[in-house]
């Protein structure tokens, strides 16, 4: 069992930065990769970024590439999403999730956190 718990959301202005945290409990985390997703009202959940506990490449959605950075701290079992130059269109509930194989499809992620709200005002 893997349990992600997100935190760090809030209300910010356009151009500001925010860092989301995903604390993950569970055994055999090395068997998983972690993804960040987001979902705005009335839209489908969309892929944001991905990282694996054992290293390797990171992946980003085109809409956040160059502005967002995903990272991990293995000693703390924590994954971060540093979000810079935030835009109003980044407003959404952000979710952290675990998968055994890299994918951009939410259906491929087995374990999900409860989400954290990010609101960017113009």
PDB file of N, CA and C in Angstrom:
ATOM      1  N   UNK A   1       0.839  -1.185   0.000  1.00  0.00           N
ATOM      2  CA  UNK A   1       0.000   0.000   0.000  1.00  0.00           C
ATOM      3  C   UNK A   1       0.881   1.243   0.000  1.00  0.00           C
ATOM      4  N   UNK A   2       0.527   2.191  -0.845  1.00  0.00           N
ATOM      5  CA  UNK A   2       1.244   3.458  -0.944  1.00  0.00           C
ATOM      6  C   UNK A   2       0.236   4.583  -0.719  1.00  0.00           C
ATOM      7  N   UNK A   3       0.548   5.504   0.170  1.00  0.00           N
ATOM      8  CA  UNK A   3      -0.388   6.580   0.473  1.00  0.00           C
ATOM      9  C   UNK A   3       0.282   7.940   0.310  1.00  0.00           C
ATOM     10  N   UNK A   4      -0.069   8.669  -0.751  1.00  0.00           N
ATOM     11  CA  UNK A   4       0.450  10.032  -0.912  1.00  0.00           C
ATOM     12  C   UNK A   4      -0.440  11.041  -0.177  1.00  0.00           C
ATOM     13  N   UNK A   5       0.174  12.075   0.371  1.00  0.00           N
ATOM     14  CA  UNK A   5      -0.552  13.152   1.029  1.00  0.00           C
ATOM     15  C   UNK A   5       0.035  14.480   0.556  1.00  0.00           C
ATOM     16  N   UNK A   6      -0.789  15.275  -0.117  1.00  0.00           N
ATOM     17  CA  UNK A   6      -0.333  16.544  -0.663  1.00  0.00           C
ATOM     18  C   UNK A   6      -0.531  17.685   0.331  1.00  0.00           C
ATOM     19  N   UNK A   7       0.286  18.708   0.186  1.00  0.00           N
ATOM     20  CA  UNK A   7       0.140  19.935   0.953  1.00  0.00           C
ATOM     21  C   UNK A   7       0.834  21.061   0.200  1.00  0.00           C
ATOM     22  N   UNK A   8       0.583  22.280   0.655  1.00  0.00           N
ATOM     23  CA  UNK A   8       1.288  23.421   0.092  1.00  0.00           C
ATOM     24  C   UNK A   8       0.488  24.296  -0.846  1.00  0.00           C
ATOM     25  N   UNK A   9      -0.749  23.918  -1.122  1.00  0.00           N
ATOM     26  CA  UNK A   9      -1.558  24.753  -2.000  1.00  0.00           C
ATOM     27  C   UNK A   9      -1.951  26.059  -1.337  1.00  0.00           C
ATOM     28  N   UNK A  10      -2.533  26.947  -2.131  1.00  0.00           N
ATOM     29  CA  UNK A  10      -2.962  28.225  -1.590  1.00  0.00           C
ATOM     30  C   UNK A  10      -3.388  29.183  -2.669  1.00  0.00           C
ATOM     31  N   UNK A  11      -3.607  30.426  -2.248  1.00  0.00           N
ATOM     32  CA  UNK A  11      -4.009  31.496  -3.149  1.00  0.00           C
ATOM     33  C   UNK A  11      -2.814  32.412  -3.389  1.00  0.00           C
ATOM     34  N   UNK A  12      -2.427  32.572  -4.647  1.00  0.00           N
ATOM     35  CA  UNK A  12      -1.298  33.422  -5.003  1.00  0.00           C
ATOM     36  C   UNK A  12      -1.687  34.301  -6.187  1.00  0.00           C
ATOM     37  N   UNK A  13      -0.843  35.277  -6.477  1.00  0.00           N
ATOM     38  CA  UNK A  13      -1.071  36.139  -7.626  1.00  0.00           C
ATOM     39  C   UNK A  13      -0.277  35.644  -8.826  1.00  0.00           C
ATOM     40  N   UNK A  14      -0.718  36.032  -9.992  1.00  0.00           N
ATOM     41  CA  UNK A  14      -0.008  35.669 -11.216  1.00  0.00           C
ATOM     42  C   UNK A  14       1.443  36.134 -11.124  1.00  0.00           C
ATOM     43  N   UNK A  15       2.351  35.247 -11.522  1.00  0.00           N
ATOM     44  CA  UNK A  15       3.776  35.540 -11.461  1.00  0.00           C
ATOM     45  C   UNK A  15       4.453  35.030 -10.202  1.00  0.00           C
ATOM     46  N   UNK A  16       3.661  34.681  -9.207  1.00  0.00           N
ATOM     47  CA  UNK A  16       4.213  34.177  -7.952  1.00  0.00           C
ATOM     48  C   UNK A  16       4.676  32.732  -8.089  1.00  0.00           C
ATOM     49  N   UNK A  17       5.315  32.252  -7.031  1.00  0.00           N
ATOM     50  CA  UNK A  17       5.766  30.861  -6.966  1.00  0.00           C
ATOM     51  C   UNK A  17       5.095  30.148  -5.808  1.00  0.00           C
ATOM     52  N   UNK A  18       5.047  28.828  -5.920  1.00  0.00           N
ATOM     53  CA  UNK A  18       4.459  27.991  -4.875  1.00  0.00           C
ATOM     54  C   UNK A  18       5.130  26.630  -4.954  1.00  0.00           C
ATOM     55  N   UNK A  19       5.343  26.004  -3.814  1.00  0.00           N
ATOM     56  CA  UNK A  19       5.902  24.663  -3.822  1.00  0.00           C
ATOM     57  C   UNK A  19       4.927  23.701  -3.172  1.00  0.00           C
ATOM     58  N   UNK A  20       4.549  22.687  -3.907  1.00  0.00           N
ATOM     59  CA  UNK A  20       3.684  21.632  -3.393  1.00  0.00           C
ATOM     60  C   UNK A  20       4.542  20.482  -2.876  1.00  0.00           C
ATOM     61  N   UNK A  21       4.050  19.842  -1.834  1.00  0.00           N
ATOM     62  CA  UNK A  21       4.743  18.724  -1.226  1.00  0.00           C
ATOM     63  C   UNK A  21       3.846  17.498  -1.240  1.00  0.00           C
ATOM     64  N   UNK A  22       4.441  16.357  -1.525  1.00  0.00           N
ATOM     65  CA  UNK A  22       3.722  15.091  -1.492  1.00  0.00           C
ATOM     66  C   UNK A  22       4.510  14.126  -0.597  1.00  0.00           C
ATOM     67  N   UNK A  23       4.005  13.898   0.585  1.00  0.00           N
ATOM     68  CA  UNK A  23       4.623  12.946   1.508  1.00  0.00           C
ATOM     69  C   UNK A  23       4.021  11.573   1.250  1.00  0.00           C
ATOM     70  N   UNK A  24       4.885  10.597   1.069  1.00  0.00           N
ATOM     71  CA  UNK A  24       4.422   9.272   0.652  1.00  0.00           C
ATOM     72  C   UNK A  24       4.796   8.229   1.696  1.00  0.00           C
ATOM     73  N   UNK A  25       3.829   7.474   2.125  1.00  0.00           N
ATOM     74  CA  UNK A  25       4.091   6.368   3.045  1.00  0.00           C
ATOM     75  C   UNK A  25       3.894   5.060   2.301  1.00  0.00           C
ATOM     76  N   UNK A  26       4.560   4.028   2.783  1.00  0.00           N
ATOM     77  CA  UNK A  26       4.414   2.731   2.161  1.00  0.00           C
ATOM     78  C   UNK A  26       5.761   2.062   1.947  1.00  0.00           C
ATOM     79  N   UNK A  27       5.703   0.785   1.686  1.00  0.00           N
ATOM     80  CA  UNK A  27       6.928   0.043   1.457  1.00  0.00           C
ATOM     81  C   UNK A  27       7.199  -0.079  -0.028  1.00  0.00           C
ATOM     82  N   UNK A  28       8.394  -0.460  -0.344  1.00  0.00           N
ATOM     83  CA  UNK A  28       8.823  -0.708  -1.722  1.00  0.00           C
ATOM     84  C   UNK A  28       8.540   0.471  -2.643  1.00  0.00           C
ATOM     85  N   UNK A  29       8.810   1.683  -2.155  1.00  0.00           N
ATOM     86  CA  UNK A  29       8.595   2.854  -2.996  1.00  0.00           C
ATOM     87  C   UNK A  29       9.469   2.840  -4.229  1.00  0.00           C
ATOM     88  N   UNK A  30      10.594   2.153  -4.173  1.00  0.00           N
ATOM     89  CA  UNK A  30      11.476   2.095  -5.328  1.00  0.00           C
ATOM     90  C   UNK A  30      10.798   1.441  -6.531  1.00  0.00           C
ATOM     91  N   UNK A  31       9.710   0.735  -6.315  1.00  0.00           N
ATOM     92  CA  UNK A  31       8.999   0.103  -7.410  1.00  0.00           C
ATOM     93  C   UNK A  31       8.058   1.067  -8.131  1.00  0.00           C
ATOM     94  N   UNK A  32       7.992   2.311  -7.644  1.00  0.00           N
ATOM     95  CA  UNK A  32       6.997   3.242  -8.160  1.00  0.00           C
ATOM     96  C   UNK A  32       7.616   4.518  -8.706  1.00  0.00           C
ATOM     97  N   UNK A  33       6.852   5.139  -9.581  1.00  0.00           N
ATOM     98  CA  UNK A  33       7.123   6.503  -9.983  1.00  0.00           C
ATOM     99  C   UNK A  33       5.987   7.370  -9.484  1.00  0.00           C
ATOM    100  N   UNK A  34       6.263   8.656  -9.340  1.00  0.00           N
ATOM    101  CA  UNK A  34       5.271   9.584  -8.807  1.00  0.00           C
ATOM    102  C   UNK A  34       4.914  10.634  -9.851  1.00  0.00           C
ATOM    103  N   UNK A  35       3.639  10.855  -9.972  1.00  0.00           N
ATOM    104  CA  UNK A  35       3.171  11.879 -10.903  1.00  0.00           C
ATOM    105  C   UNK A  35       2.376  12.954 -10.192  1.00  0.00           C
ATOM    106  N   UNK A  36       2.454  14.148 -10.735  1.00  0.00           N
ATOM    107  CA  UNK A  36       1.569  15.238 -10.324  1.00  0.00           C
ATOM    108  C   UNK A  36       0.540  15.441 -11.433  1.00  0.00           C
ATOM    109  N   UNK A  37      -0.694  15.573 -11.013  1.00  0.00           N
ATOM    110  CA  UNK A  37      -1.796  15.852 -11.925  1.00  0.00           C
ATOM    111  C   UNK A  37      -2.558  17.064 -11.414  1.00  0.00           C
ATOM    112  N   UNK A  38      -3.385  17.629 -12.256  1.00  0.00           N
ATOM    113  CA  UNK A  38      -4.245  18.710 -11.810  1.00  0.00           C
ATOM    114  C   UNK A  38      -5.589  18.614 -12.499  1.00  0.00           C
ATOM    115  N   UNK A  39      -6.579  19.181 -11.814  1.00  0.00           N
ATOM    116  CA  UNK A  39      -7.931  19.152 -12.369  1.00  0.00           C
ATOM    117  C   UNK A  39      -8.647  20.440 -12.013  1.00  0.00           C
ATOM    118  N   UNK A  40      -9.028  21.181 -13.043  1.00  0.00           N
ATOM    119  CA  UNK A  40      -9.808  22.393 -12.874  1.00  0.00           C
ATOM    120  C   UNK A  40     -11.294  22.035 -12.983  1.00  0.00           C
ATOM    121  N   UNK A  41     -12.180  22.844 -12.424  1.00  0.00           N
ATOM    122  CA  UNK A  41     -13.614  22.544 -12.495  1.00  0.00           C
ATOM    123  C   UNK A  41     -14.084  22.369 -13.936  1.00  0.00           C
ATOM    124  N   UNK A  42     -14.824  21.300 -14.172  1.00  0.00           N
ATOM    125  CA  UNK A  42     -15.382  21.051 -15.493  1.00  0.00           C
ATOM    126  C   UNK A  42     -14.404  20.499 -16.509  1.00  0.00           C
ATOM    127  N   UNK A  43     -13.211  20.142 -16.057  1.00  0.00           N
ATOM    128  CA  UNK A  43     -12.217  19.599 -16.977  1.00  0.00           C
ATOM    129  C   UNK A  43     -11.757  18.225 -16.512  1.00  0.00           C
ATOM    130  N   UNK A  44     -11.063  17.533 -17.401  1.00  0.00           N
ATOM    131  CA  UNK A  44     -10.521  16.235 -17.038  1.00  0.00           C
ATOM    132  C   UNK A  44      -9.205  16.414 -16.281  1.00  0.00           C
ATOM    133  N   UNK A  45      -8.880  15.428 -15.504  1.00  0.00           N
ATOM    134  CA  UNK A  45      -7.608  15.451 -14.783  1.00  0.00           C
ATOM    135  C   UNK A  45      -6.478  15.341 -15.801  1.00  0.00           C
ATOM    136  N   UNK A  46      -5.483  16.214 -15.659  1.00  0.00           N
ATOM    137  CA  UNK A  46      -4.409  16.229 -16.644  1.00  0.00           C
ATOM    138  C   UNK A  46      -3.044  16.047 -15.990  1.00  0.00           C
ATOM    139  N   UNK A  47      -2.156  15.427 -16.744  1.00  0.00           N
ATOM    140  CA  UNK A  47      -0.790  15.171 -16.312  1.00  0.00           C
ATOM    141  C   UNK A  47      -0.021  16.481 -16.218  1.00  0.00           C
ATOM    142  N   UNK A  48       0.815  16.571 -15.175  1.00  0.00           N
ATOM    143  CA  UNK A  48       1.664  17.747 -14.997  1.00  0.00           C
ATOM    144  C   UNK A  48       3.140  17.369 -15.053  1.00  0.00           C
ATOM    145  N   UNK A  49       3.542  16.385 -14.234  1.00  0.00           N
ATOM    146  CA  UNK A  49       4.963  16.037 -14.167  1.00  0.00           C
ATOM    147  C   UNK A  49       5.120  14.644 -13.569  1.00  0.00           C
ATOM    148  N   UNK A  50       6.326  14.064 -13.801  1.00  0.00           N
ATOM    149  CA  UNK A  50       6.589  12.697 -13.334  1.00  0.00           C
ATOM    150  C   UNK A  50       8.047  12.555 -12.943  1.00  0.00           C
ATOM    151  N   UNK A  51       8.265  11.748 -11.883  1.00  0.00           N
ATOM    152  CA  UNK A  51       9.620  11.426 -11.452  1.00  0.00           C
ATOM    153  C   UNK A  51       9.606  10.034 -10.836  1.00  0.00           C
ATOM    154  N   UNK A  52      10.749   9.359 -10.926  1.00  0.00           N
ATOM    155  CA  UNK A  52      10.843   8.034 -10.359  1.00  0.00           C
ATOM    156  C   UNK A  52      11.737   8.082  -9.105  1.00  0.00           C
ATOM    157  N   UNK A  53      11.425   7.264  -8.093  1.00  0.00           N
ATOM    158  CA  UNK A  53      12.203   7.270  -6.854  1.00  0.00           C
ATOM    159  C   UNK A  53      13.647   6.850  -7.091  1.00  0.00           C
ATOM    160  N   UNK A  54      13.866   6.005  -8.084  1.00  0.00           N
ATOM    161  CA  UNK A  54      15.209   5.493  -8.328  1.00  0.00           C
ATOM    162  C   UNK A  54      16.011   6.339  -9.301  1.00  0.00           C
ATOM    163  N   UNK A  55      15.485   7.471  -9.693  1.00  0.00           N
ATOM    164  CA  UNK A  55      16.191   8.360 -10.607  1.00  0.00           C
ATOM    165  C   UNK A  55      15.737   8.171 -12.038  1.00  0.00           C
ATOM    166  N   UNK A  56      16.474   8.747 -12.960  1.00  0.00           N
ATOM    167  CA  UNK A  56      16.081   8.693 -14.352  1.00  0.00           C
ATOM    168  C   UNK A  56      15.478  10.002 -14.805  1.00  0.00           C
ATOM    169  N   UNK A  57      14.955  10.033 -16.000  1.00  0.00           N
ATOM    170  CA  UNK A  57      14.443  11.296 -16.539  1.00  0.00           C
ATOM    171  C   UNK A  57      13.156  11.741 -15.855  1.00  0.00           C
ATOM    172  N   UNK A  58      12.930  13.041 -15.905  1.00  0.00           N
ATOM    173  CA  UNK A  58      11.663  13.598 -15.466  1.00  0.00           C
ATOM    174  C   UNK A  58      10.879  14.021 -16.705  1.00  0.00           C
ATOM    175  N   UNK A  59       9.582  14.100 -16.546  1.00  0.00           N
ATOM    176  CA  UNK A  59       8.715  14.435 -17.673  1.00  0.00           C
ATOM    177  C   UNK A  59       7.745  15.530 -17.247  1.00  0.00           C
ATOM    178  N   UNK A  60       7.408  16.383 -18.210  1.00  0.00           N
ATOM    179  CA  UNK A  60       6.519  17.511 -17.937  1.00  0.00           C
ATOM    180  C   UNK A  60       5.504  17.680 -19.050  1.00  0.00           C
ATOM    181  N   UNK A  61       4.350  18.187 -18.669  1.00  0.00           N
ATOM    182  CA  UNK A  61       3.400  18.634 -19.675  1.00  0.00           C
ATOM    183  C   UNK A  61       3.959  19.870 -20.361  1.00  0.00           C
ATOM    184  N   UNK A  62       3.657  20.041 -21.620  1.00  0.00           N
ATOM    185  CA  UNK A  62       4.157  21.197 -22.372  1.00  0.00           C
ATOM    186  C   UNK A  62       3.728  22.512 -21.717  1.00  0.00           C
ATOM    187  N   UNK A  63       2.561  22.503 -21.117  1.00  0.00           N
ATOM    188  CA  UNK A  63       2.012  23.738 -20.548  1.00  0.00           C
ATOM    189  C   UNK A  63       2.780  24.228 -19.323  1.00  0.00           C
ATOM    190  N   UNK A  64       3.589  23.366 -18.706  1.00  0.00           N
ATOM    191  CA  UNK A  64       4.310  23.770 -17.500  1.00  0.00           C
ATOM    192  C   UNK A  64       5.827  23.691 -17.685  1.00  0.00           C
ATOM    193  N   UNK A  65       6.273  23.163 -18.804  1.00  0.00           N
ATOM    194  CA  UNK A  65       7.703  22.980 -19.036  1.00  0.00           C
ATOM    195  C   UNK A  65       8.422  24.332 -18.958  1.00  0.00           C
ATOM    196  N   UNK A  66       9.503  24.354 -18.190  1.00  0.00           N
ATOM    197  CA  UNK A  66      10.250  25.596 -18.018  1.00  0.00           C
ATOM    198  C   UNK A  66       9.783  26.433 -16.842  1.00  0.00           C
ATOM    199  N   UNK A  67       8.612  26.135 -16.311  1.00  0.00           N
ATOM    200  CA  UNK A  67       8.081  26.872 -15.156  1.00  0.00           C
ATOM    201  C   UNK A  67       7.993  26.000 -13.903  1.00  0.00           C
ATOM    202  N   UNK A  68       7.673  24.733 -14.088  1.00  0.00           N
ATOM    203  CA  UNK A  68       7.518  23.804 -12.963  1.00  0.00           C
ATOM    204  C   UNK A  68       8.712  22.855 -12.918  1.00  0.00           C
ATOM    205  N   UNK A  69       9.078  22.440 -11.707  1.00  0.00           N
ATOM    206  CA  UNK A  69      10.150  21.471 -11.517  1.00  0.00           C
ATOM    207  C   UNK A  69       9.714  20.429 -10.503  1.00  0.00           C
ATOM    208  N   UNK A  70       9.819  19.171 -10.885  1.00  0.00           N
ATOM    209  CA  UNK A  70       9.520  18.080  -9.970  1.00  0.00           C
ATOM    210  C   UNK A  70      10.839  17.557  -9.404  1.00  0.00           C
ATOM    211  N   UNK A  71      10.826  17.240  -8.121  1.00  0.00           N
ATOM    212  CA  UNK A  71      12.031  16.715  -7.475  1.00  0.00           C
ATOM    213  C   UNK A  71      11.611  15.771  -6.361  1.00  0.00           C
ATOM    214  N   UNK A  72      12.581  15.099  -5.784  1.00  0.00           N
ATOM    215  CA  UNK A  72      12.262  14.145  -4.727  1.00  0.00           C
ATOM    216  C   UNK A  72      13.343  14.190  -3.665  1.00  0.00           C
ATOM    217  N   UNK A  73      12.953  13.766  -2.463  1.00  0.00           N
ATOM    218  CA  UNK A  73      13.887  13.583  -1.358  1.00  0.00           C
ATOM    219  C   UNK A  73      13.643  12.167  -0.849  1.00  0.00           C
ATOM    220  N   UNK A  74      14.489  11.236  -1.252  1.00  0.00           N
ATOM    221  CA  UNK A  74      14.274   9.836  -0.896  1.00  0.00           C
ATOM    222  C   UNK A  74      14.336   9.616   0.606  1.00  0.00           C
ATOM    223  N   UNK A  75      15.182  10.358   1.290  1.00  0.00           N
ATOM    224  CA  UNK A  75      15.314  10.175   2.737  1.00  0.00           C
ATOM    225  C   UNK A  75      14.024  10.547   3.467  1.00  0.00           C
ATOM    226  N   UNK A  76      13.262  11.465   2.877  1.00  0.00           N
ATOM    227  CA  UNK A  76      12.016  11.909   3.494  1.00  0.00           C
ATOM    228  C   UNK A  76      10.786  11.301   2.825  1.00  0.00           C
ATOM    229  N   UNK A  77      11.001  10.462   1.822  1.00  0.00           N
ATOM    230  CA  UNK A  77       9.868   9.901   1.063  1.00  0.00           C
ATOM    231  C   UNK A  77       8.925  11.009   0.597  1.00  0.00           C
ATOM    232  N   UNK A  78       9.502  12.042   0.051  1.00  0.00           N
ATOM    233  CA  UNK A  78       8.725  13.224  -0.324  1.00  0.00           C
ATOM    234  C   UNK A  78       9.046  13.655  -1.745  1.00  0.00           C
ATOM    235  N   UNK A  79       8.016  14.023  -2.456  1.00  0.00           N
ATOM    236  CA  UNK A  79       8.137  14.555  -3.809  1.00  0.00           C
ATOM    237  C   UNK A  79       7.632  15.995  -3.789  1.00  0.00           C
ATOM    238  N   UNK A  80       8.310  16.850  -4.531  1.00  0.00           N
ATOM    239  CA  UNK A  80       7.959  18.268  -4.568  1.00  0.00           C
ATOM    240  C   UNK A  80       7.576  18.692  -5.991  1.00  0.00           C
ATOM    241  N   UNK A  81       6.772  19.718  -6.053  1.00  0.00           N
ATOM    242  CA  UNK A  81       6.495  20.368  -7.330  1.00  0.00           C
ATOM    243  C   UNK A  81       6.695  21.861  -7.118  1.00  0.00           C
ATOM    244  N   UNK A  82       7.815  22.368  -7.609  1.00  0.00           N
ATOM    245  CA  UNK A  82       8.096  23.793  -7.538  1.00  0.00           C
ATOM    246  C   UNK A  82       7.448  24.468  -8.734  1.00  0.00           C
ATOM    247  N   UNK A  83       6.574  25.414  -8.457  1.00  0.00           N
ATOM    248  CA  UNK A  83       5.818  26.079  -9.520  1.00  0.00           C
ATOM    249  C   UNK A  83       6.182  27.556  -9.530  1.00  0.00           C
ATOM    250  N   UNK A  84       6.781  27.988 -10.611  1.00  0.00           N
ATOM    251  CA  UNK A  84       7.185  29.388 -10.772  1.00  0.00           C
ATOM    252  C   UNK A  84       6.370  30.046 -11.875  1.00  0.00           C
ATOM    253  N   UNK A  85       6.387  31.349 -11.880  1.00  0.00           N
ATOM    254  CA  UNK A  85       5.690  32.126 -12.914  1.00  0.00           C
ATOM    255  C   UNK A  85       4.260  31.624 -13.103  1.00  0.00           C
ATOM    256  N   UNK A  86       3.559  31.489 -12.010  1.00  0.00           N
ATOM    257  CA  UNK A  86       2.211  30.936 -12.067  1.00  0.00           C
ATOM    258  C   UNK A  86       1.264  31.826 -12.850  1.00  0.00           C
ATOM    259  N   UNK A  87       0.340  31.177 -13.525  1.00  0.00           N
ATOM    260  CA  UNK A  87      -0.650  31.850 -14.359  1.00  0.00           C
ATOM    261  C   UNK A  87      -2.052  31.499 -13.850  1.00  0.00           C
ATOM    262  N   UNK A  88      -3.030  32.334 -14.127  1.00  0.00           N
ATOM    263  CA  UNK A  88      -4.404  31.998 -13.711  1.00  0.00           C
ATOM    264  C   UNK A  88      -4.862  30.634 -14.233  1.00  0.00           C
ATOM    265  N   UNK A  89      -4.389  30.253 -15.414  1.00  0.00           N
ATOM    266  CA  UNK A  89      -4.798  28.956 -15.964  1.00  0.00           C
ATOM    267  C   UNK A  89      -4.166  27.768 -15.247  1.00  0.00           C
ATOM    268  N   UNK A  90      -3.266  28.026 -14.302  1.00  0.00           N
ATOM    269  CA  UNK A  90      -2.722  26.956 -13.468  1.00  0.00           C
ATOM    270  C   UNK A  90      -3.651  26.642 -12.296  1.00  0.00           C
ATOM    271  N   UNK A  91      -4.696  27.412 -12.130  1.00  0.00           N
ATOM    272  CA  UNK A  91      -5.638  27.185 -11.040  1.00  0.00           C
ATOM    273  C   UNK A  91      -6.306  25.820 -11.185  1.00  0.00           C
ATOM    274  N   UNK A  92      -6.203  25.005 -10.131  1.00  0.00           N
ATOM    275  CA  UNK A  92      -6.740  23.642 -10.160  1.00  0.00           C
ATOM    276  C   UNK A  92      -6.505  22.989  -8.811  1.00  0.00           C
ATOM    277  N   UNK A  93      -7.099  21.825  -8.642  1.00  0.00           N
ATOM    278  CA  UNK A  93      -6.718  20.944  -7.545  1.00  0.00           C
ATOM    279  C   UNK A  93      -5.568  20.084  -8.053  1.00  0.00           C
ATOM    280  N   UNK A  94      -4.489  20.072  -7.294  1.00  0.00           N
ATOM    281  CA  UNK A  94      -3.300  19.315  -7.692  1.00  0.00           C
ATOM    282  C   UNK A  94      -3.237  18.024  -6.884  1.00  0.00           C
ATOM    283  N   UNK A  95      -3.007  16.933  -7.604  1.00  0.00           N
ATOM    284  CA  UNK A  95      -2.958  15.613  -7.010  1.00  0.00           C
ATOM    285  C   UNK A  95      -1.590  14.978  -7.223  1.00  0.00           C
ATOM    286  N   UNK A  96      -1.196  14.193  -6.249  1.00  0.00           N
ATOM    287  CA  UNK A  96       0.009  13.380  -6.325  1.00  0.00           C
ATOM    288  C   UNK A  96      -0.440  11.926  -6.406  1.00  0.00           C
ATOM    289  N   UNK A  97       0.226  11.131  -7.249  1.00  0.00           N
ATOM    290  CA  UNK A  97      -0.200   9.755  -7.447  1.00  0.00           C
ATOM    291  C   UNK A  97       0.993   8.867  -7.753  1.00  0.00           C
ATOM    292  N   UNK A  98       0.825   7.569  -7.485  1.00  0.00           N
ATOM    293  CA  UNK A  98       1.893   6.594  -7.687  1.00  0.00           C
ATOM    294  C   UNK A  98       1.512   5.588  -8.761  1.00  0.00           C
ATOM    295  N   UNK A  99       2.511   5.247  -9.576  1.00  0.00           N
ATOM    296  CA  UNK A  99       2.325   4.264 -10.628  1.00  0.00           C
ATOM    297  C   UNK A  99       3.543   3.364 -10.713  1.00  0.00           C
ATOM    298  N   UNK A 100       3.348   2.158 -11.216  1.00  0.00           N
ATOM    299  CA  UNK A 100       4.483   1.251 -11.369  1.00  0.00           C
ATOM    300  C   UNK A 100       5.209   1.470 -12.690  1.00  0.00           C
ATOM    301  N   UNK A 101       4.543   2.128 -13.643  1.00  0.00           N
ATOM    302  CA  UNK A 101       5.123   2.354 -14.962  1.00  0.00           C
ATOM    303  C   UNK A 101       4.811   3.776 -15.412  1.00  0.00           C
ATOM    304  N   UNK A 102       5.786   4.459 -15.969  1.00  0.00           N
ATOM    305  CA  UNK A 102       5.566   5.829 -16.414  1.00  0.00           C
ATOM    306  C   UNK A 102       4.383   5.910 -17.380  1.00  0.00           C
ATOM    307  N   UNK A 103       3.529   6.870 -17.119  1.00  0.00           N
ATOM    308  CA  UNK A 103       2.393   7.125 -17.989  1.00  0.00           C
ATOM    309  C   UNK A 103       1.891   8.539 -17.733  1.00  0.00           C
ATOM    310  N   UNK A 104       1.229   9.097 -18.732  1.00  0.00           N
ATOM    311  CA  UNK A 104       0.568  10.395 -18.568  1.00  0.00           C
ATOM    312  C   UNK A 104      -0.931  10.222 -18.363  1.00  0.00           C
ATOM    313  N   UNK A 105      -1.382   8.976 -18.343  1.00  0.00           N
ATOM    314  CA  UNK A 105      -2.801   8.679 -18.183  1.00  0.00           C
ATOM    315  C   UNK A 105      -3.145   8.468 -16.719  1.00  0.00           C
ATOM    316  N   UNK A 106      -4.109   9.215 -16.188  1.00  0.00           N
ATOM    317  CA  UNK A 106      -4.499   9.024 -14.782  1.00  0.00           C
ATOM    318  C   UNK A 106      -4.914   7.597 -14.464  1.00  0.00           C
ATOM    319  N   UNK A 107      -5.468   6.904 -15.431  1.00  0.00           N
ATOM    320  CA  UNK A 107      -5.951   5.541 -15.190  1.00  0.00           C
ATOM    321  C   UNK A 107      -4.827   4.574 -14.846  1.00  0.00           C
ATOM    322  N   UNK A 108      -3.587   4.945 -15.172  1.00  0.00           N
ATOM    323  CA  UNK A 108      -2.450   4.062 -14.907  1.00  0.00           C
ATOM    324  C   UNK A 108      -1.860   4.251 -13.515  1.00  0.00           C
ATOM    325  N   UNK A 109      -2.428   5.191 -12.755  1.00  0.00           N
ATOM    326  CA  UNK A 109      -1.936   5.469 -11.415  1.00  0.00           C
ATOM    327  C   UNK A 109      -2.872   4.820 -10.394  1.00  0.00           C
ATOM    328  N   UNK A 110      -2.266   4.036  -9.514  1.00  0.00           N
ATOM    329  CA  UNK A 110      -3.074   3.232  -8.607  1.00  0.00           C
ATOM    330  C   UNK A 110      -3.392   3.942  -7.300  1.00  0.00           C
ATOM    331  N   UNK A 111      -2.444   4.739  -6.810  1.00  0.00           N
ATOM    332  CA  UNK A 111      -2.608   5.359  -5.496  1.00  0.00           C
ATOM    333  C   UNK A 111      -2.633   6.868  -5.644  1.00  0.00           C
ATOM    334  N   UNK A 112      -3.633   7.500  -5.018  1.00  0.00           N
ATOM    335  CA  UNK A 112      -3.845   8.935  -5.158  1.00  0.00           C
ATOM    336  C   UNK A 112      -3.954   9.606  -3.795  1.00  0.00           C
ATOM    337  N   UNK A 113      -3.472  10.839  -3.737  1.00  0.00           N
ATOM    338  CA  UNK A 113      -3.707  11.661  -2.572  1.00  0.00           C
ATOM    339  C   UNK A 113      -5.048  12.359  -2.679  1.00  0.00           C
ATOM    340  N   UNK A 114      -5.352  13.178  -1.682  1.00  0.00           N
ATOM    341  CA  UNK A 114      -6.654  13.831  -1.622  1.00  0.00           C
ATOM    342  C   UNK A 114      -6.684  15.144  -2.396  1.00  0.00           C
ATOM    343  N   UNK A 115      -5.533  15.640  -2.777  1.00  0.00           N
ATOM    344  CA  UNK A 115      -5.450  16.864  -3.567  1.00  0.00           C
ATOM    345  C   UNK A 115      -5.252  18.100  -2.711  1.00  0.00           C
ATOM    346  N   UNK A 116      -4.684  19.135  -3.331  1.00  0.00           N
ATOM    347  CA  UNK A 116      -4.503  20.425  -2.688  1.00  0.00           C
ATOM    348  C   UNK A 116      -4.844  21.520  -3.688  1.00  0.00           C
ATOM    349  N   UNK A 117      -5.602  22.507  -3.246  1.00  0.00           N
ATOM    350  CA  UNK A 117      -6.100  23.546  -4.137  1.00  0.00           C
ATOM    351  C   UNK A 117      -5.045  24.621  -4.378  1.00  0.00           C
ATOM    352  N   UNK A 118      -4.843  24.941  -5.635  1.00  0.00           N
ATOM    353  CA  UNK A 118      -3.988  26.060  -6.027  1.00  0.00           C
ATOM    354  C   UNK A 118      -4.845  27.047  -6.809  1.00  0.00           C
ATOM    355  N   UNK A 119      -4.878  28.275  -6.344  1.00  0.00           N
ATOM    356  CA  UNK A 119      -5.642  29.321  -7.012  1.00  0.00           C
ATOM    357  C   UNK A 119      -4.711  30.475  -7.344  1.00  0.00           C
ATOM    358  N   UNK A 120      -4.684  30.844  -8.622  1.00  0.00           N
ATOM    359  CA  UNK A 120      -3.818  31.931  -9.072  1.00  0.00           C
ATOM    360  C   UNK A 120      -4.710  33.066  -9.564  1.00  0.00           C
ATOM    361  N   UNK A 121      -4.620  34.205  -8.906  1.00  0.00           N
ATOM    362  CA  UNK A 121      -5.434  35.357  -9.290  1.00  0.00           C
ATOM    363  C   UNK A 121      -4.671  36.233 -10.281  1.00  0.00           C
ATOM    364  N   UNK A 122      -5.411  36.896 -11.134  1.00  0.00           N
ATOM    365  CA  UNK A 122      -4.780  37.744 -12.155  1.00  0.00           C
ATOM    366  C   UNK A 122      -4.583  39.161 -11.659  1.00  0.00           C
TER     367      UNK A 122
END
